[in-house]
Amino acid sequence: MLVQMPLLIFAGYSFDITKQKVSYKLNTSAAQWLWIYLTTMFWMLPISLDKALIYPVWDIFKILTLLITGIVLKVVFQSHRLLALFFIGSTVMMLFFAGFNYQQSDVRLCNAYLIESQKITGSGLIIVASALLLFLFWKIKQELAASEMRG
């Protein structure tokens, strides 16, 4: 799940469903941000991961919702940079918390996975969160440098 879920979101992000720019009025809609936030939060819950592993219908649901999330991410990231930075920041915070929780818990949070797998996943989530945080700092630095060059 640690590899599959980010790859599904990236695959959705990579879809080129629109050749033209989408109107910025649509990009800033709260419904799109709510979709992204709720789906990522939902798939961080251990019960959701268990059900996706056990039931094929839940696995299809996971694949579809994460692909749609990637598509919506591409649209909303084109519109409002401040909201995009907030979203990435809150995602990093959730990933750090989930990773720490998976590492420190002596109880299996996901019934379908062994405790060792849970601890490895926790370490992986912290690594992913750290990489996203570094990417966020790099992106901010890059945009500040570009704005200084413009004037």
Foldseek 3Di string as FASTA:
>chain_A
DLPVLVVLLQLLLPDCPDPDQDDLVVLPDVVLVVLLVVLVVVVLQLVLVQCLVVPVVSVVVSSVSSSVNSNSLNNNVVHDVVVVLVVLVVQLVVLLVSLVCLQPDPDDRHPVDDSVVSNVSSVSSNVVSVVSVVVSVVVVVVVVVVVVVVD
